[in-house]
Amino acid sequence: MKSAQCVLILAAWIIDWICVFKVWPDGLDRLQRILQEDLASAALLWDSYREFPRFALATANFLYAMLFKLTGIHDMGARFAEGVALSIPDTVVRDTYIANFQAIQVAMVGTQMFGIRLATLLMFTPFLGLVYLVALTDGLVQRAVRRASGGRESASLYHRAKHLQLIVLVRVRP
């Protein structure tokens, strides 16, 4: 994974940990409900594209596998759950794992939620590209009109837009 993705996943984990341990009274249960709601809303959002839920799950599972199965954290939890006798170093690791189990679960669920949201963003990328292309074309056409002395001067548009932002902010806030 690239470093930008790692930073984003780490930021998502930190936000999830703060919400689970400090903000939400039901903690991890709420985070798991949010994960299920994200998956359900993604399926509704992409109703015309029936493969999207599989793509979203594949993305979430890929990120989970890269962070927890490849590093052995998933297997470690499964091995500690068996209850077999362990060596002294493994017992120390198991005690540390158990002490931080809820934080590890939050990271696991947060990673899957990040994967679903990343898949949604990836699916919107062509649409966002089209929006940017239309905005670029419109801006270049307006610039060509102004250069041909057929439109308003940019400074007057800027000042009108500046005042319009204030009006929109005042009306939007409840």
Protein backbone atom coordinates (compact mmCIF):
# COMPACT_ATOMS: atom_id res chain seq x y z
CA MET A 1 0.00 0.00 0.00
CA LYS A 2 1.08 3.52 -0.60
CA SER A 3 1.99 5.80 2.28
CA ALA A 4 -0.98 8.11 1.62
CA GLN A 5 -3.38 5.18 2.04
CA CYS A 6 -1.62 4.13 5.22
CA VAL A 7 -1.94 7.65 6.62
CA LEU A 8 -5.63 7.75 5.71
CA ILE A 9 -6.29 4.36 7.31
CA LEU A 10 -4.40 5.42 10.43
CA ALA A 11 -6.44 8.63 10.61
CA ALA A 12 -9.65 6.59 10.21
CA TRP A 13 -8.53 4.28 13.03
CA ILE A 14 -7.84 7.22 15.32
CA ILE A 15 -11.24 8.73 14.62
CA ASP A 16 -12.90 5.34 15.14
CA TRP A 17 -11.06 4.79 18.42
CA ILE A 18 -12.09 8.22 19.69
CA CYS A 19 -15.71 7.63 18.73
CA VAL A 20 -15.87 4.09 20.13
CA PHE A 21 -14.06 4.72 23.41
CA LYS A 22 -15.04 8.32 24.19
CA VAL A 23 -18.14 9.41 22.24
CA TRP A 24 -20.55 6.53 21.61
CA PRO A 25 -22.06 4.79 24.61
CA ASP A 26 -22.57 1.50 22.70
CA GLY A 27 -19.06 1.65 21.19
CA LEU A 28 -18.07 -1.21 18.90
CA ASP A 29 -21.67 -2.31 18.27
CA ARG A 30 -22.42 1.07 16.73
CA LEU A 31 -19.32 0.92 14.55
CA GLN A 32 -20.35 -2.51 13.26
CA ARG A 33 -23.86 -1.19 12.53
CA ILE A 34 -22.32 1.70 10.58
CA LEU A 35 -20.29 -0.82 8.57
CA GLN A 36 -23.45 -2.77 7.72
CA GLU A 37 -25.33 0.45 6.86
CA ASP A 38 -22.49 1.57 4.58
CA LEU A 39 -22.60 -1.72 2.74
CA ALA A 40 -26.41 -1.56 2.43
CA SER A 41 -26.39 2.06 1.23
CA ALA A 42 -23.62 1.27 -1.26
CA ALA A 43 -25.76 -1.55 -2.65
CA LEU A 44 -28.74 0.81 -2.96
CA LEU A 45 -26.62 3.57 -4.47
CA TRP A 46 -25.30 1.31 -7.20
CA ASP A 47 -28.52 -0.62 -7.84
CA SER A 48 -28.01 -0.41 -11.60
CA TYR A 49 -24.51 -1.89 -11.28
CA ARG A 50 -25.10 -5.24 -9.61
CA GLU A 51 -21.41 -6.08 -9.23
CA PHE A 52 -20.69 -3.13 -6.93
CA PRO A 53 -21.50 -4.89 -3.62
CA ARG A 54 -19.02 -7.61 -4.58
CA PHE A 55 -16.46 -4.98 -5.57
CA ALA A 56 -16.95 -3.13 -2.28
CA LEU A 57 -16.62 -6.34 -0.27
CA ALA A 58 -13.56 -7.36 -2.27
CA THR A 59 -11.94 -3.98 -1.60
CA ALA A 60 -12.76 -4.16 2.11
CA ASN A 61 -11.53 -7.75 2.37
CA PHE A 62 -8.34 -6.93 0.43
CA LEU A 63 -7.46 -4.09 2.81
CA TYR A 64 -8.28 -6.31 5.80
CA ALA A 65 -6.11 -9.10 4.42
CA MET A 66 -3.21 -6.73 3.73
CA LEU A 67 -3.28 -5.25 7.22
CA PHE A 68 -4.33 -8.14 9.44
CA LYS A 69 -3.91 -11.48 7.66
CA LEU A 70 -0.59 -10.69 6.00
CA THR A 71 0.85 -9.38 9.28
CA GLY A 72 -0.47 -12.39 11.21
CA ILE A 73 -2.69 -10.47 13.62
CA HIS A 74 -5.81 -12.32 12.42
CA ASP A 75 -4.16 -15.73 12.78
CA MET A 76 -2.76 -14.75 16.16
CA GLY A 77 -6.25 -14.00 17.46
CA ALA A 78 -7.56 -17.28 16.11
CA ARG A 79 -4.71 -19.20 17.73
CA PHE A 80 -5.21 -17.48 21.09
CA ALA A 81 -8.95 -18.27 20.96
CA GLU A 82 -8.26 -22.01 20.77
CA GLY A 83 -7.15 -22.12 24.41
CA VAL A 84 -4.16 -24.41 23.92
CA ALA A 85 -1.13 -24.22 26.21
CA LEU A 86 1.35 -21.55 25.16
CA SER A 87 4.99 -20.81 25.82
CA ILE A 88 5.91 -17.92 28.11
CA PRO A 89 6.60 -15.42 25.27
CA ASP A 90 3.33 -16.42 23.60
CA THR A 91 1.50 -15.97 26.90
CA VAL A 92 2.87 -12.44 27.18
CA VAL A 93 1.80 -11.69 23.61
CA ARG A 94 -1.63 -13.24 24.29
CA ASP A 95 -2.12 -11.09 27.40
CA THR A 96 -1.19 -7.98 25.42
CA TYR A 97 -3.54 -9.04 22.62
CA ILE A 98 -6.39 -9.62 25.06
CA ALA A 99 -5.75 -6.30 26.83
CA ASN A 100 -6.03 -4.49 23.49
CA PHE A 101 -8.62 -6.74 21.88
CA GLN A 102 -11.36 -4.13 21.61
CA ALA A 103 -8.98 -1.59 20.04
CA ILE A 104 -7.82 -4.26 17.56
CA GLN A 105 -11.44 -5.06 16.69
CA VAL A 106 -12.14 -1.35 16.12
CA ALA A 107 -9.16 -1.21 13.76
CA MET A 108 -10.40 -4.31 11.90
CA VAL A 109 -13.93 -2.97 11.46
CA GLY A 110 -12.58 0.49 10.61
CA THR A 111 -10.38 -0.99 7.90
CA GLN A 112 -13.33 -2.76 6.31
CA MET A 113 -15.41 0.42 6.49
CA PHE A 114 -12.55 2.34 4.87
CA GLY A 115 -12.46 -0.27 2.09
CA ILE A 116 -16.18 0.08 1.36
CA ARG A 117 -15.93 3.87 1.27
CA LEU A 118 -12.83 3.68 -0.92
CA ALA A 119 -14.71 1.44 -3.37
CA THR A 120 -17.56 3.96 -3.48
CA LEU A 121 -15.09 6.76 -4.19
CA LEU A 122 -13.43 4.70 -6.91
CA MET A 123 -16.79 4.09 -8.55
CA PHE A 124 -17.54 7.82 -8.50
CA THR A 125 -14.19 8.73 -10.07
CA PRO A 126 -15.44 8.71 -13.70
CA PHE A 127 -18.40 10.90 -12.74
CA LEU A 128 -16.13 13.31 -10.85
CA GLY A 129 -13.79 13.41 -13.84
CA LEU A 130 -16.70 14.31 -16.08
CA VAL A 131 -17.79 17.07 -13.69
CA TYR A 132 -14.25 18.49 -13.64
CA LEU A 133 -14.06 18.30 -17.44
CA VAL A 134 -17.36 20.18 -17.82
CA ALA A 135 -16.24 22.81 -15.28
CA LEU A 136 -12.89 23.21 -17.06
CA THR A 137 -14.60 23.59 -20.43
CA ASP A 138 -17.05 26.13 -19.04
CA GLY A 139 -14.25 28.11 -17.44
CA LEU A 140 -12.20 28.17 -20.64
CA VAL A 141 -15.21 29.24 -22.68
CA GLN A 142 -16.00 32.04 -20.23
CA ARG A 143 -12.37 33.15 -20.33
CA ALA A 144 -12.43 33.22 -24.13
CA VAL A 145 -15.63 35.31 -24.07
CA ARG A 146 -14.09 37.80 -21.62
CA ARG A 147 -10.88 38.03 -23.67
CA ALA A 148 -12.96 38.86 -26.73
CA SER A 149 -14.55 41.72 -24.72
CA GLY A 150 -17.92 40.04 -24.82
CA GLY A 151 -18.45 39.30 -21.14
CA ARG A 152 -18.22 40.81 -17.70
CA GLU A 153 -14.89 41.65 -16.22
CA SER A 154 -13.51 39.07 -13.78
CA ALA A 155 -13.18 41.55 -10.92
CA SER A 156 -16.90 42.32 -10.90
CA LEU A 157 -17.71 38.59 -10.95
CA TYR A 158 -15.34 38.05 -8.05
CA HIS A 159 -16.95 40.72 -5.91
CA ARG A 160 -20.47 39.48 -6.66
CA ALA A 161 -19.46 35.92 -5.83
CA LYS A 162 -17.86 37.08 -2.58
CA HIS A 163 -21.11 38.71 -1.44
CA LEU A 164 -23.16 35.74 -2.67
CA GLN A 165 -21.12 33.37 -0.46
CA LEU A 166 -22.11 35.35 2.63
CA ILE A 167 -25.78 35.28 1.64
CA VAL A 168 -25.70 31.54 0.96
CA LEU A 169 -24.00 30.82 4.30
CA VAL A 170 -26.56 32.89 6.20
CA ARG A 171 -29.51 31.18 4.51
CA VAL A 172 -28.14 27.64 4.71
CA ARG A 173 -27.44 27.61 8.45
CA PRO A 174 -30.53 26.62 10.46
